[in-house]
Amino acid sequence: MENTEKIFLKEQEMNEYKILQEKINQVIYSMGEVSVEKQILKEKDEKVLEIFNKIRKEETNFLKKIERNYGSGLINPETGEFTKQD
């Protein structure tokens, strides 16, 4: 069996050590919170992208319908005026 000597830290050293441990725990907790928030944002981003792609597809289908009805051209979104282009 090894012969070990027990030495106790002074009160000031122990307090300093406890404060450091507390700071480390706070940072670890914050890292966990950030990780969760990142996951939530990633999920929101995926949902928004899915909605965006759906709307773009709807827009493409609408523009194809307009082209079938009026031919190739440009739509003024402010006035609804359609300008044919050949």
C-alpha atoms as a PDB file:
ATOM      1  CA  MET A   1       0.000   0.000   0.000  1.00  0.00           C
ATOM      2  CA  GLU A   2       1.300   3.437  -0.910  1.00  0.00           C
ATOM      3  CA  ASN A   3       2.016   5.966   1.734  1.00  0.00           C
ATOM      4  CA  THR A   4       0.026   9.107   0.887  1.00  0.00           C
ATOM      5  CA  GLU A   5       0.040  12.395   2.687  1.00  0.00           C
ATOM      6  CA  LYS A   6      -3.181  14.359   2.939  1.00  0.00           C
ATOM      7  CA  ILE A   7      -2.867  18.096   2.686  1.00  0.00           C
ATOM      8  CA  PHE A   8      -5.849  20.399   2.955  1.00  0.00           C
ATOM      9  CA  LEU A   9      -6.196  23.562   0.940  1.00  0.00           C
ATOM     10  CA  LYS A  10      -6.454  26.847   2.767  1.00  0.00           C
ATOM     11  CA  GLU A  11      -9.954  28.343   2.958  1.00  0.00           C
ATOM     12  CA  GLN A  12      -9.089  31.043   0.389  1.00  0.00           C
ATOM     13  CA  GLU A  13      -7.716  28.437  -2.030  1.00  0.00           C
ATOM     14  CA  MET A  14     -10.785  26.261  -1.542  1.00  0.00           C
ATOM     15  CA  ASN A  15     -13.097  29.221  -2.192  1.00  0.00           C
ATOM     16  CA  GLU A  16     -11.158  30.123  -5.324  1.00  0.00           C
ATOM     17  CA  TYR A  17     -11.365  26.514  -6.521  1.00  0.00           C
ATOM     18  CA  LYS A  18     -15.122  26.387  -5.875  1.00  0.00           C
ATOM     19  CA  ILE A  19     -15.615  29.618  -7.838  1.00  0.00           C
ATOM     20  CA  LEU A  20     -13.646  28.202 -10.766  1.00  0.00           C
ATOM     21  CA  GLN A  21     -15.687  24.983 -10.684  1.00  0.00           C
ATOM     22  CA  GLU A  22     -18.893  27.048 -10.627  1.00  0.00           C
ATOM     23  CA  LYS A  23     -17.736  29.056 -13.656  1.00  0.00           C
ATOM     24  CA  ILE A  24     -16.877  25.858 -15.523  1.00  0.00           C
ATOM     25  CA  ASN A  25     -20.320  24.419 -14.733  1.00  0.00           C
ATOM     26  CA  GLN A  26     -22.009  27.616 -15.946  1.00  0.00           C
ATOM     27  CA  VAL A  27     -20.095  27.470 -19.221  1.00  0.00           C
ATOM     28  CA  ILE A  28     -20.946  23.787 -19.697  1.00  0.00           C
ATOM     29  CA  TYR A  29     -24.621  24.569 -19.029  1.00  0.00           C
ATOM     30  CA  SER A  30     -24.502  27.461 -21.509  1.00  0.00           C
ATOM     31  CA  MET A  31     -22.897  25.202 -24.115  1.00  0.00           C
ATOM     32  CA  GLY A  32     -25.796  22.777 -23.673  1.00  0.00           C
ATOM     33  CA  GLU A  33     -28.330  25.578 -24.057  1.00  0.00           C
ATOM     34  CA  VAL A  34     -26.615  26.797 -27.222  1.00  0.00           C
ATOM     35  CA  SER A  35     -26.596  23.277 -28.608  1.00  0.00           C
ATOM     36  CA  VAL A  36     -30.333  22.914 -28.008  1.00  0.00           C
ATOM     37  CA  GLU A  37     -31.023  26.351 -29.509  1.00  0.00           C
ATOM     38  CA  LYS A  38     -28.952  25.447 -32.578  1.00  0.00           C
ATOM     39  CA  GLN A  39     -31.012  22.272 -33.048  1.00  0.00           C
ATOM     40  CA  ILE A  40     -34.265  24.229 -32.741  1.00  0.00           C
ATOM     41  CA  LEU A  41     -33.023  26.798 -35.270  1.00  0.00           C
ATOM     42  CA  LYS A  42     -31.939  24.039 -37.637  1.00  0.00           C
ATOM     43  CA  GLU A  43     -35.411  22.498 -37.478  1.00  0.00           C
ATOM     44  CA  LYS A  44     -37.048  25.905 -38.051  1.00  0.00           C
ATOM     45  CA  ASP A  45     -34.684  26.564 -40.948  1.00  0.00           C
ATOM     46  CA  GLU A  46     -35.618  23.242 -42.550  1.00  0.00           C
ATOM     47  CA  LYS A  47     -39.344  23.982 -42.166  1.00  0.00           C
ATOM     48  CA  VAL A  48     -39.010  27.485 -43.600  1.00  0.00           C
ATOM     49  CA  LEU A  49     -36.942  26.169 -46.510  1.00  0.00           C
ATOM     50  CA  GLU A  50     -39.586  23.524 -47.175  1.00  0.00           C
ATOM     51  CA  ILE A  51     -42.314  26.209 -47.226  1.00  0.00           C
ATOM     52  CA  PHE A  52     -40.166  28.423 -49.457  1.00  0.00           C
ATOM     53  CA  ASN A  53     -39.614  25.596 -51.945  1.00  0.00           C
ATOM     54  CA  LYS A  54     -43.336  24.805 -51.971  1.00  0.00           C
ATOM     55  CA  ILE A  55     -44.207  28.439 -52.706  1.00  0.00           C
ATOM     56  CA  ARG A  56     -41.557  28.636 -55.450  1.00  0.00           C
ATOM     57  CA  LYS A  57     -43.080  25.539 -57.037  1.00  0.00           C
ATOM     58  CA  GLU A  58     -46.530  27.172 -56.874  1.00  0.00           C
ATOM     59  CA  GLU A  59     -45.087  30.304 -58.464  1.00  0.00           C
ATOM     60  CA  THR A  60     -43.492  28.273 -61.257  1.00  0.00           C
ATOM     61  CA  ASN A  61     -46.788  26.505 -61.950  1.00  0.00           C
ATOM     62  CA  PHE A  62     -48.628  29.837 -61.960  1.00  0.00           C
ATOM     63  CA  LEU A  63     -46.148  31.384 -64.388  1.00  0.00           C
ATOM     64  CA  LYS A  64     -46.455  28.364 -66.702  1.00  0.00           C
ATOM     65  CA  LYS A  65     -50.229  28.814 -66.688  1.00  0.00           C
ATOM     66  CA  ILE A  66     -49.864  32.529 -67.494  1.00  0.00           C
ATOM     67  CA  GLU A  67     -47.443  31.684 -70.311  1.00  0.00           C
ATOM     68  CA  ARG A  68     -49.917  29.154 -71.754  1.00  0.00           C
ATOM     69  CA  ASN A  69     -52.679  31.784 -71.641  1.00  0.00           C
ATOM     70  CA  TYR A  70     -50.771  34.871 -72.803  1.00  0.00           C
ATOM     71  CA  GLY A  71     -47.466  33.697 -74.213  1.00  0.00           C
ATOM     72  CA  SER A  72     -44.011  34.621 -73.013  1.00  0.00           C
ATOM     73  CA  GLY A  73     -43.688  37.927 -71.181  1.00  0.00           C
ATOM     74  CA  LEU A  74     -43.245  39.855 -67.979  1.00  0.00           C
ATOM     75  CA  ILE A  75     -45.729  40.656 -65.229  1.00  0.00           C
ATOM     76  CA  ASN A  76     -45.602  43.962 -63.402  1.00  0.00           C
ATOM     77  CA  PRO A  77     -46.378  42.929 -59.816  1.00  0.00           C
ATOM     78  CA  GLU A  78     -47.535  46.456 -58.934  1.00  0.00           C
ATOM     79  CA  THR A  79     -50.099  46.921 -61.709  1.00  0.00           C
ATOM     80  CA  GLY A  80     -50.758  43.397 -62.992  1.00  0.00           C
ATOM     81  CA  GLU A  81     -49.813  44.546 -66.479  1.00  0.00           C
ATOM     82  CA  PHE A  82     -48.465  41.772 -68.699  1.00  0.00           C
ATOM     83  CA  THR A  83     -45.932  42.752 -71.362  1.00  0.00           C
ATOM     84  CA  LYS A  84     -45.517  40.196 -74.123  1.00  0.00           C
ATOM     85  CA  GLN A  85     -42.016  39.308 -75.251  1.00  0.00           C
ATOM     86  CA  ASP A  86     -41.252  37.497 -78.431  1.00  0.00           C
END
